[in-house]
Amino acid sequence: MTGAENEPDEGDPLLKEVRLRSERRRRWLSEGDAPIAQRLAQIGVLGWIIVTPMLIGVLIGRWLDAMFNSGIFWTAPLLMAGIALGCWSAWRWMFEA
């Protein structure tokens, strides 16, 4: 057996995650915690990321329901689609940034 066989592959997801966490920890040790105002701003942005697609879905759904006189036939599914899109966007914003 050679030493090259025991070397981890550069495409290994575990190795990537370990390096990412190591970099985050190094950055946290050098920079410290974020100020409370920055944390509150992030929470506010996160709320708007979720709420905005929901409101757009409701507005478009109500407009379609008024056009076709269909009760909440369009509003409910577009609200659900807005929730899904908002949660997906929030997830990406939190964990891929």
PDB file of N, CA and C in Angstrom:
ATOM      1  N   MET A   1       0.845  -1.186   0.000  1.00  0.00           N
ATOM      2  CA  MET A   1       0.000   0.000   0.000  1.00  0.00           C
ATOM      3  C   MET A   1       0.882   1.238   0.000  1.00  0.00           C
ATOM      4  N   THR A   2       0.484   2.179  -0.796  1.00  0.00           N
ATOM      5  CA  THR A   2       1.214   3.441  -0.830  1.00  0.00           C
ATOM      6  C   THR A   2       0.445   4.483  -0.050  1.00  0.00           C
ATOM      7  N   GLY A   3       1.085   5.594   0.243  1.00  0.00           N
ATOM      8  CA  GLY A   3       0.446   6.679   0.985  1.00  0.00           C
ATOM      9  C   GLY A   3      -0.621   7.380   0.181  1.00  0.00           C
ATOM     10  N   ALA A   4      -0.543   7.322  -1.162  1.00  0.00           N
ATOM     11  CA  ALA A   4      -1.510   8.010  -2.020  1.00  0.00           C
ATOM     12  C   ALA A   4      -2.895   7.374  -1.920  1.00  0.00           C
ATOM     13  N   GLU A   5      -2.955   6.087  -1.597  1.00  0.00           N
ATOM     14  CA  GLU A   5      -4.251   5.415  -1.501  1.00  0.00           C
ATOM     15  C   GLU A   5      -5.024   5.882  -0.272  1.00  0.00           C
ATOM     16  N   ASN A   6      -4.322   6.334   0.753  1.00  0.00           N
ATOM     17  CA  ASN A   6      -4.970   6.769   1.982  1.00  0.00           C
ATOM     18  C   ASN A   6      -5.315   8.249   1.974  1.00  0.00           C
ATOM     19  N   GLU A   7      -4.870   8.986   0.965  1.00  0.00           N
ATOM     20  CA  GLU A   7      -5.145  10.416   0.861  1.00  0.00           C
ATOM     21  C   GLU A   7      -6.611  10.621   0.475  1.00  0.00           C
ATOM     22  N   PRO A   8      -7.306  11.549   1.137  1.00  0.00           N
ATOM     23  CA  PRO A   8      -8.706  11.804   0.766  1.00  0.00           C
ATOM     24  C   PRO A   8      -8.791  12.499  -0.592  1.00  0.00           C
ATOM     25  N   ASP A   9      -9.861  12.219  -1.284  1.00  0.00           N
ATOM     26  CA  ASP A   9     -10.124  12.821  -2.591  1.00  0.00           C
ATOM     27  C   ASP A   9     -10.527  14.276  -2.397  1.00  0.00           C
ATOM     28  N   GLU A  10     -10.082  15.170  -3.287  1.00  0.00           N
ATOM     29  CA  GLU A  10     -10.421  16.598  -3.189  1.00  0.00           C
ATOM     30  C   GLU A  10     -11.918  16.832  -3.384  1.00  0.00           C
ATOM     31  N   GLY A  11     -12.630  15.933  -4.045  1.00  0.00           N
ATOM     32  CA  GLY A  11     -14.063  16.077  -4.261  1.00  0.00           C
ATOM     33  C   GLY A  11     -14.892  15.491  -3.126  1.00  0.00           C
ATOM     34  N   ASP A  12     -14.251  14.990  -2.097  1.00  0.00           N
ATOM     35  CA  ASP A  12     -14.928  14.362  -0.971  1.00  0.00           C
ATOM     36  C   ASP A  12     -15.766  15.393  -0.214  1.00  0.00           C
ATOM     37  N   PRO A  13     -17.101  15.198  -0.086  1.00  0.00           N
ATOM     38  CA  PRO A  13     -17.947  16.183   0.602  1.00  0.00           C
ATOM     39  C   PRO A  13     -17.586  16.352   2.079  1.00  0.00           C
ATOM     40  N   LEU A  14     -17.134  15.287   2.728  1.00  0.00           N
ATOM     41  CA  LEU A  14     -16.747  15.393   4.134  1.00  0.00           C
ATOM     42  C   LEU A  14     -15.530  16.303   4.277  1.00  0.00           C
ATOM     43  N   LEU A  15     -14.561  16.141   3.396  1.00  0.00           N
ATOM     44  CA  LEU A  15     -13.369  16.985   3.428  1.00  0.00           C
ATOM     45  C   LEU A  15     -13.717  18.445   3.178  1.00  0.00           C
ATOM     46  N   LYS A  16     -14.630  18.688   2.230  1.00  0.00           N
ATOM     47  CA  LYS A  16     -15.068  20.063   1.958  1.00  0.00           C
ATOM     48  C   LYS A  16     -15.739  20.677   3.183  1.00  0.00           C
ATOM     49  N   GLU A  17     -16.595  19.906   3.850  1.00  0.00           N
ATOM     50  CA  GLU A  17     -17.312  20.406   5.033  1.00  0.00           C
ATOM     51  C   GLU A  17     -16.342  20.694   6.175  1.00  0.00           C
ATOM     52  N   VAL A  18     -15.367  19.829   6.372  1.00  0.00           N
ATOM     53  CA  VAL A  18     -14.375  20.049   7.422  1.00  0.00           C
ATOM     54  C   VAL A  18     -13.589  21.322   7.145  1.00  0.00           C
ATOM     55  N   ARG A  19     -13.186  21.526   5.902  1.00  0.00           N
ATOM     56  CA  ARG A  19     -12.443  22.740   5.548  1.00  0.00           C
ATOM     57  C   ARG A  19     -13.307  23.986   5.729  1.00  0.00           C
ATOM     58  N   LEU A  20     -14.588  23.901   5.339  1.00  0.00           N
ATOM     59  CA  LEU A  20     -15.491  25.036   5.492  1.00  0.00           C
ATOM     60  C   LEU A  20     -15.666  25.393   6.966  1.00  0.00           C
ATOM     61  N   ARG A  21     -15.886  24.394   7.807  1.00  0.00           N
ATOM     62  CA  ARG A  21     -16.054  24.652   9.243  1.00  0.00           C
ATOM     63  C   ARG A  21     -14.769  25.189   9.862  1.00  0.00           C
ATOM     64  N   SER A  22     -13.644  24.672   9.409  1.00  0.00           N
ATOM     65  CA  SER A  22     -12.368  25.162   9.912  1.00  0.00           C
ATOM     66  C   SER A  22     -12.165  26.633   9.547  1.00  0.00           C
ATOM     67  N   GLU A  23     -12.513  26.995   8.326  1.00  0.00           N
ATOM     68  CA  GLU A  23     -12.393  28.386   7.890  1.00  0.00           C
ATOM     69  C   GLU A  23     -13.345  29.284   8.675  1.00  0.00           C
ATOM     70  N   ARG A  24     -14.577  28.821   8.900  1.00  0.00           N
ATOM     71  CA  ARG A  24     -15.530  29.605   9.686  1.00  0.00           C
ATOM     72  C   ARG A  24     -15.033  29.814  11.116  1.00  0.00           C
ATOM     73  N   ARG A  25     -14.479  28.750  11.702  1.00  0.00           N
ATOM     74  CA  ARG A  25     -13.968  28.864  13.074  1.00  0.00           C
ATOM     75  C   ARG A  25     -12.777  29.832  13.128  1.00  0.00           C
ATOM     76  N   ARG A  26     -11.879  29.753  12.168  1.00  0.00           N
ATOM     77  CA  ARG A  26     -10.729  30.650  12.126  1.00  0.00           C
ATOM     78  C   ARG A  26     -11.187  32.104  11.993  1.00  0.00           C
ATOM     79  N   ARG A  27     -12.202  32.309  11.123  1.00  0.00           N
ATOM     80  CA  ARG A  27     -12.730  33.660  10.945  1.00  0.00           C
ATOM     81  C   ARG A  27     -13.421  34.151  12.218  1.00  0.00           C
ATOM     82  N   TRP A  28     -14.148  33.276  12.903  1.00  0.00           N
ATOM     83  CA  TRP A  28     -14.826  33.666  14.142  1.00  0.00           C
ATOM     84  C   TRP A  28     -13.808  34.022  15.218  1.00  0.00           C
ATOM     85  N   LEU A  29     -12.722  33.244  15.301  1.00  0.00           N
ATOM     86  CA  LEU A  29     -11.700  33.532  16.297  1.00  0.00           C
ATOM     87  C   LEU A  29     -11.008  34.866  16.023  1.00  0.00           C
ATOM     88  N   SER A  30     -10.827  35.219  14.759  1.00  0.00           N
ATOM     89  CA  SER A  30     -10.145  36.475  14.446  1.00  0.00           C
ATOM     90  C   SER A  30     -11.085  37.680  14.506  1.00  0.00           C
ATOM     91  N   GLU A  31     -12.366  37.492  14.138  1.00  0.00           N
ATOM     92  CA  GLU A  31     -13.301  38.621  14.074  1.00  0.00           C
ATOM     93  C   GLU A  31     -14.235  38.707  15.275  1.00  0.00           C
ATOM     94  N   GLY A  32     -14.512  37.612  15.935  1.00  0.00           N
ATOM     95  CA  GLY A  32     -15.440  37.608  17.060  1.00  0.00           C
ATOM     96  C   GLY A  32     -16.890  37.535  16.590  1.00  0.00           C
ATOM     97  N   ASP A  33     -17.807  37.692  17.532  1.00  0.00           N
ATOM     98  CA  ASP A  33     -19.238  37.652  17.220  1.00  0.00           C
ATOM     99  C   ASP A  33     -19.680  38.927  16.516  1.00  0.00           C
ATOM    100  N   ALA A  34     -20.723  38.797  15.725  1.00  0.00           N
ATOM    101  CA  ALA A  34     -21.301  39.964  15.057  1.00  0.00           C
ATOM    102  C   ALA A  34     -22.052  40.813  16.085  1.00  0.00           C
ATOM    103  N   PRO A  35     -22.116  42.124  15.878  1.00  0.00           N
ATOM    104  CA  PRO A  35     -22.867  42.989  16.798  1.00  0.00           C
ATOM    105  C   PRO A  35     -24.357  42.634  16.794  1.00  0.00           C
ATOM    106  N   ILE A  36     -25.039  42.963  17.885  1.00  0.00           N
ATOM    107  CA  ILE A  36     -26.458  42.637  18.022  1.00  0.00           C
ATOM    108  C   ILE A  36     -27.295  43.317  16.945  1.00  0.00           C
ATOM    109  N   ALA A  37     -26.920  44.523  16.539  1.00  0.00           N
ATOM    110  CA  ALA A  37     -27.671  45.222  15.494  1.00  0.00           C
ATOM    111  C   ALA A  37     -27.587  44.468  14.167  1.00  0.00           C
ATOM    112  N   GLN A  38     -26.430  43.887  13.893  1.00  0.00           N
ATOM    113  CA  GLN A  38     -26.288  43.121  12.652  1.00  0.00           C
ATOM    114  C   GLN A  38     -27.143  41.858  12.707  1.00  0.00           C
ATOM    115  N   ARG A  39     -27.183  41.211  13.850  1.00  0.00           N
ATOM    116  CA  ARG A  39     -28.024  40.012  14.004  1.00  0.00           C
ATOM    117  C   ARG A  39     -29.505  40.359  13.826  1.00  0.00           C
ATOM    118  N   LEU A  40     -29.949  41.460  14.419  1.00  0.00           N
ATOM    119  CA  LEU A  40     -31.345  41.872  14.271  1.00  0.00           C
ATOM    120  C   LEU A  40     -31.671  42.220  12.827  1.00  0.00           C
ATOM    121  N   ALA A  41     -30.722  42.842  12.131  1.00  0.00           N
ATOM    122  CA  ALA A  41     -30.930  43.163  10.719  1.00  0.00           C
ATOM    123  C   ALA A  41     -31.055  41.887   9.899  1.00  0.00           C
ATOM    124  N   GLN A  42     -30.256  40.880  10.213  1.00  0.00           N
ATOM    125  CA  GLN A  42     -30.339  39.605   9.496  1.00  0.00           C
ATOM    126  C   GLN A  42     -31.685  38.930   9.729  1.00  0.00           C
ATOM    127  N   ILE A  43     -32.192  39.003  10.951  1.00  0.00           N
ATOM    128  CA  ILE A  43     -33.499  38.416  11.252  1.00  0.00           C
ATOM    129  C   ILE A  43     -34.593  39.144  10.474  1.00  0.00           C
ATOM    130  N   GLY A  44     -34.490  40.482  10.398  1.00  0.00           N
ATOM    131  CA  GLY A  44     -35.471  41.257   9.638  1.00  0.00           C
ATOM    132  C   GLY A  44     -35.451  40.911   8.159  1.00  0.00           C
ATOM    133  N   VAL A  45     -34.256  40.791   7.600  1.00  0.00           N
ATOM    134  CA  VAL A  45     -34.134  40.416   6.185  1.00  0.00           C
ATOM    135  C   VAL A  45     -34.707  39.022   5.964  1.00  0.00           C
ATOM    136  N   LEU A  46     -34.414  38.117   6.876  1.00  0.00           N
ATOM    137  CA  LEU A  46     -34.929  36.755   6.762  1.00  0.00           C
ATOM    138  C   LEU A  46     -36.455  36.744   6.742  1.00  0.00           C
ATOM    139  N   GLY A  47     -37.074  37.554   7.585  1.00  0.00           N
ATOM    140  CA  GLY A  47     -38.538  37.641   7.587  1.00  0.00           C
ATOM    141  C   GLY A  47     -39.082  38.139   6.269  1.00  0.00           C
ATOM    142  N   TRP A  48     -38.461  39.184   5.730  1.00  0.00           N
ATOM    143  CA  TRP A  48     -38.941  39.716   4.453  1.00  0.00           C
ATOM    144  C   TRP A  48     -38.706  38.754   3.295  1.00  0.00           C
ATOM    145  N   ILE A  49     -37.631  37.966   3.371  1.00  0.00           N
ATOM    146  CA  ILE A  49     -37.374  36.969   2.330  1.00  0.00           C
ATOM    147  C   ILE A  49     -38.513  35.959   2.282  1.00  0.00           C
ATOM    148  N   ILE A  50     -39.081  35.629   3.431  1.00  0.00           N
ATOM    149  CA  ILE A  50     -40.175  34.653   3.484  1.00  0.00           C
ATOM    150  C   ILE A  50     -41.516  35.312   3.171  1.00  0.00           C
ATOM    151  N   VAL A  51     -41.762  36.503   3.716  1.00  0.00           N
ATOM    152  CA  VAL A  51     -43.073  37.148   3.606  1.00  0.00           C
ATOM    153  C   VAL A  51     -43.340  37.703   2.208  1.00  0.00           C
ATOM    154  N   THR A  52     -42.345  38.251   1.545  1.00  0.00           N
ATOM    155  CA  THR A  52     -42.560  38.889   0.242  1.00  0.00           C
ATOM    156  C   THR A  52     -43.153  37.937  -0.800  1.00  0.00           C
ATOM    157  N   PRO A  53     -42.598  36.733  -1.017  1.00  0.00           N
ATOM    158  CA  PRO A  53     -43.232  35.826  -1.988  1.00  0.00           C
ATOM    159  C   PRO A  53     -44.644  35.407  -1.586  1.00  0.00           C
ATOM    160  N   MET A  54     -44.899  35.313  -0.267  1.00  0.00           N
ATOM    161  CA  MET A  54     -46.245  34.977   0.193  1.00  0.00           C
ATOM    162  C   MET A  54     -47.234  36.070  -0.202  1.00  0.00           C
ATOM    163  N   LEU A  55     -46.855  37.321   0.055  1.00  0.00           N
ATOM    164  CA  LEU A  55     -47.744  38.435  -0.279  1.00  0.00           C
ATOM    165  C   LEU A  55     -47.973  38.543  -1.780  1.00  0.00           C
ATOM    166  N   ILE A  56     -46.934  38.330  -2.544  1.00  0.00           N
ATOM    167  CA  ILE A  56     -47.087  38.367  -4.005  1.00  0.00           C
ATOM    168  C   ILE A  56     -48.045  37.270  -4.459  1.00  0.00           C
ATOM    169  N   GLY A  57     -47.912  36.073  -3.879  1.00  0.00           N
ATOM    170  CA  GLY A  57     -48.821  34.976  -4.220  1.00  0.00           C
ATOM    171  C   GLY A  57     -50.263  35.299  -3.869  1.00  0.00           C
ATOM    172  N   VAL A  58     -50.479  35.899  -2.700  1.00  0.00           N
ATOM    173  CA  VAL A  58     -51.836  36.265  -2.288  1.00  0.00           C
ATOM    174  C   VAL A  58     -52.404  37.339  -3.214  1.00  0.00           C
ATOM    175  N   LEU A  59     -51.617  38.355  -3.522  1.00  0.00           N
ATOM    176  CA  LEU A  59     -52.108  39.432  -4.392  1.00  0.00           C
ATOM    177  C   LEU A  59     -52.462  38.924  -5.787  1.00  0.00           C
ATOM    178  N   ILE A  60     -51.591  38.115  -6.363  1.00  0.00           N
ATOM    179  CA  ILE A  60     -51.888  37.568  -7.700  1.00  0.00           C
ATOM    180  C   ILE A  60     -53.083  36.623  -7.623  1.00  0.00           C
ATOM    181  N   GLY A  61     -53.145  35.809  -6.564  1.00  0.00           N
ATOM    182  CA  GLY A  61     -54.274  34.888  -6.404  1.00  0.00           C
ATOM    183  C   GLY A  61     -55.591  35.612  -6.248  1.00  0.00           C
ATOM    184  N   ARG A  62     -55.627  36.668  -5.433  1.00  0.00           N
ATOM    185  CA  ARG A  62     -56.866  37.436  -5.263  1.00  0.00           C
ATOM    186  C   ARG A  62     -57.281  38.102  -6.572  1.00  0.00           C
ATOM    187  N   TRP A  63     -56.306  38.594  -7.327  1.00  0.00           N
ATOM    188  CA  TRP A  63     -56.616  39.215  -8.608  1.00  0.00           C
ATOM    189  C   TRP A  63     -57.208  38.188  -9.576  1.00  0.00           C
ATOM    190  N   LEU A  64     -56.603  37.000  -9.641  1.00  0.00           N
ATOM    191  CA  LEU A  64     -57.130  35.944 -10.522  1.00  0.00           C
ATOM    192  C   LEU A  64     -58.515  35.487 -10.066  1.00  0.00           C
ATOM    193  N   ASP A  65     -58.702  35.366  -8.753  1.00  0.00           N
ATOM    194  CA  ASP A  65     -60.014  34.962  -8.238  1.00  0.00           C
ATOM    195  C   ASP A  65     -61.077  36.009  -8.552  1.00  0.00           C
ATOM    196  N   ALA A  66     -60.721  37.278  -8.498  1.00  0.00           N
ATOM    197  CA  ALA A  66     -61.678  38.336  -8.843  1.00  0.00           C
ATOM    198  C   ALA A  66     -61.989  38.307 -10.337  1.00  0.00           C
ATOM    199  N   MET A  67     -60.988  38.021 -11.145  1.00  0.00           N
ATOM    200  CA  MET A  67     -61.191  37.977 -12.603  1.00  0.00           C
ATOM    201  C   MET A  67     -62.117  36.822 -13.006  1.00  0.00           C
ATOM    202  N   PHE A  68     -61.924  35.668 -12.369  1.00  0.00           N
ATOM    203  CA  PHE A  68     -62.684  34.468 -12.750  1.00  0.00           C
ATOM    204  C   PHE A  68     -63.812  34.135 -11.783  1.00  0.00           C
ATOM    205  N   ASN A  69     -64.014  34.973 -10.740  1.00  0.00           N
ATOM    206  CA  ASN A  69     -65.066  34.757  -9.749  1.00  0.00           C
ATOM    207  C   ASN A  69     -65.008  33.318  -9.207  1.00  0.00           C
ATOM    208  N   SER A  70     -63.828  32.969  -8.672  1.00  0.00           N
ATOM    209  CA  SER A  70     -63.592  31.578  -8.288  1.00  0.00           C
ATOM    210  C   SER A  70     -63.306  31.375  -6.793  1.00  0.00           C
ATOM    211  N   GLY A  71     -63.771  32.261  -5.933  1.00  0.00           N
ATOM    212  CA  GLY A  71     -63.566  32.077  -4.488  1.00  0.00           C
ATOM    213  C   GLY A  71     -62.096  32.222  -4.135  1.00  0.00           C
ATOM    214  N   ILE A  72     -61.517  31.147  -3.572  1.00  0.00           N
ATOM    215  CA  ILE A  72     -60.084  31.173  -3.267  1.00  0.00           C
ATOM    216  C   ILE A  72     -59.341  30.102  -4.063  1.00  0.00           C
ATOM    217  N   PHE A  73     -59.862  29.792  -5.223  1.00  0.00           N
ATOM    218  CA  PHE A  73     -59.274  28.748  -6.052  1.00  0.00           C
ATOM    219  C   PHE A  73     -57.815  29.048  -6.395  1.00  0.00           C
ATOM    220  N   TRP A  74     -57.476  30.276  -6.694  1.00  0.00           N
ATOM    221  CA  TRP A  74     -56.106  30.653  -7.053  1.00  0.00           C
ATOM    222  C   TRP A  74     -55.312  31.164  -5.849  1.00  0.00           C
ATOM    223  N   THR A  75     -55.976  31.783  -4.897  1.00  0.00           N
ATOM    224  CA  THR A  75     -55.275  32.395  -3.771  1.00  0.00           C
ATOM    225  C   THR A  75     -54.569  31.345  -2.911  1.00  0.00           C
ATOM    226  N   ALA A  76     -55.265  30.279  -2.563  1.00  0.00           N
ATOM    227  CA  ALA A  76     -54.678  29.264  -1.678  1.00  0.00           C
ATOM    228  C   ALA A  76     -53.440  28.603  -2.288  1.00  0.00           C
ATOM    229  N   PRO A  77     -53.500  28.112  -3.528  1.00  0.00           N
ATOM    230  CA  PRO A  77     -52.280  27.475  -4.063  1.00  0.00           C
ATOM    231  C   PRO A  77     -51.134  28.460  -4.285  1.00  0.00           C
ATOM    232  N   LEU A  78     -51.451  29.692  -4.676  1.00  0.00           N
ATOM    233  CA  LEU A  78     -50.376  30.658  -4.871  1.00  0.00           C
ATOM    234  C   LEU A  78     -49.773  31.097  -3.532  1.00  0.00           C
ATOM    235  N   LEU A  79     -50.584  31.106  -2.477  1.00  0.00           N
ATOM    236  CA  LEU A  79     -50.051  31.366  -1.142  1.00  0.00           C
ATOM    237  C   LEU A  79     -49.085  30.256  -0.749  1.00  0.00           C
ATOM    238  N   MET A  80     -49.477  29.008  -0.967  1.00  0.00           N
ATOM    239  CA  MET A  80     -48.598  27.872  -0.651  1.00  0.00           C
ATOM    240  C   MET A  80     -47.317  27.910  -1.483  1.00  0.00           C
ATOM    241  N   ALA A  81     -47.442  28.256  -2.750  1.00  0.00           N
ATOM    242  CA  ALA A  81     -46.254  28.378  -3.603  1.00  0.00           C
ATOM    243  C   ALA A  81     -45.350  29.502  -3.092  1.00  0.00           C
ATOM    244  N   GLY A  82     -45.944  30.595  -2.637  1.00  0.00           N
ATOM    245  CA  GLY A  82     -45.158  31.693  -2.073  1.00  0.00           C
ATOM    246  C   GLY A  82     -44.439  31.288  -0.803  1.00  0.00           C
ATOM    247  N   ILE A  83     -45.114  30.518   0.042  1.00  0.00           N
ATOM    248  CA  ILE A  83     -44.480  30.018   1.269  1.00  0.00           C
ATOM    249  C   ILE A  83     -43.300  29.126   0.908  1.00  0.00           C
ATOM    250  N   ALA A  84     -43.508  28.215  -0.027  1.00  0.00           N
ATOM    251  CA  ALA A  84     -42.436  27.299  -0.438  1.00  0.00           C
ATOM    252  C   ALA A  84     -41.251  28.073  -1.010  1.00  0.00           C
ATOM    253  N   LEU A  85     -41.530  29.027  -1.889  1.00  0.00           N
ATOM    254  CA  LEU A  85     -40.465  29.827  -2.486  1.00  0.00           C
ATOM    255  C   LEU A  85     -39.747  30.657  -1.426  1.00  0.00           C
ATOM    256  N   GLY A  86     -40.486  31.245  -0.508  1.00  0.00           N
ATOM    257  CA  GLY A  86     -39.875  32.043   0.556  1.00  0.00           C
ATOM    258  C   GLY A  86     -39.000  31.212   1.473  1.00  0.00           C
ATOM    259  N   CYS A  87     -39.481  30.044   1.863  1.00  0.00           N
ATOM    260  CA  CYS A  87     -38.684  29.182   2.745  1.00  0.00           C
ATOM    261  C   CYS A  87     -37.437  28.670   2.034  1.00  0.00           C
ATOM    262  N   TRP A  88     -37.564  28.315   0.760  1.00  0.00           N
ATOM    263  CA  TRP A  88     -36.410  27.877  -0.019  1.00  0.00           C
ATOM    264  C   TRP A  88     -35.388  29.003  -0.145  1.00  0.00           C
ATOM    265  N   SER A  89     -35.860  30.205  -0.421  1.00  0.00           N
ATOM    266  CA  SER A  89     -34.959  31.359  -0.534  1.00  0.00           C
ATOM    267  C   SER A  89     -34.268  31.648   0.796  1.00  0.00           C
ATOM    268  N   ALA A  90     -35.008  31.558   1.894  1.00  0.00           N
ATOM    269  CA  ALA A  90     -34.427  31.792   3.210  1.00  0.00           C
ATOM    270  C   ALA A  90     -33.376  30.734   3.531  1.00  0.00           C
ATOM    271  N   TRP A  91     -33.683  29.497   3.187  1.00  0.00           N
ATOM    272  CA  TRP A  91     -32.728  28.407   3.414  1.00  0.00           C
ATOM    273  C   TRP A  91     -31.435  28.670   2.651  1.00  0.00           C
ATOM    274  N   ARG A  92     -31.548  29.025   1.395  1.00  0.00           N
ATOM    275  CA  ARG A  92     -30.362  29.327   0.588  1.00  0.00           C
ATOM    276  C   ARG A  92     -29.602  30.512   1.155  1.00  0.00           C
ATOM    277  N   TRP A  93     -30.327  31.553   1.591  1.00  0.00           N
ATOM    278  CA  TRP A  93     -29.681  32.744   2.120  1.00  0.00           C
ATOM    279  C   TRP A  93     -28.910  32.444   3.400  1.00  0.00           C
ATOM    280  N   MET A  94     -29.490  31.565   4.253  1.00  0.00           N
ATOM    281  CA  MET A  94     -28.844  31.258   5.526  1.00  0.00           C
ATOM    282  C   MET A  94     -27.648  30.312   5.377  1.00  0.00           C
ATOM    283  N   PHE A  95     -27.790  29.290   4.561  1.00  0.00           N
ATOM    284  CA  PHE A  95     -26.795  28.227   4.567  1.00  0.00           C
ATOM    285  C   PHE A  95     -25.842  28.237   3.376  1.00  0.00           C
ATOM    286  N   GLU A  96     -26.109  29.010   2.370  1.00  0.00           N
ATOM    287  CA  GLU A  96     -25.186  29.052   1.236  1.00  0.00           C
ATOM    288  C   GLU A  96     -24.443  30.369   1.143  1.00  0.00           C
ATOM    289  N   ALA A  97     -24.635  31.199   2.120  1.00  0.00           N
ATOM    290  CA  ALA A  97     -23.918  32.492   2.101  1.00  0.00           C
ATOM    291  C   ALA A  97     -22.599  32.398   2.806  1.00  0.00           C
TER     292      ALA A  97
END
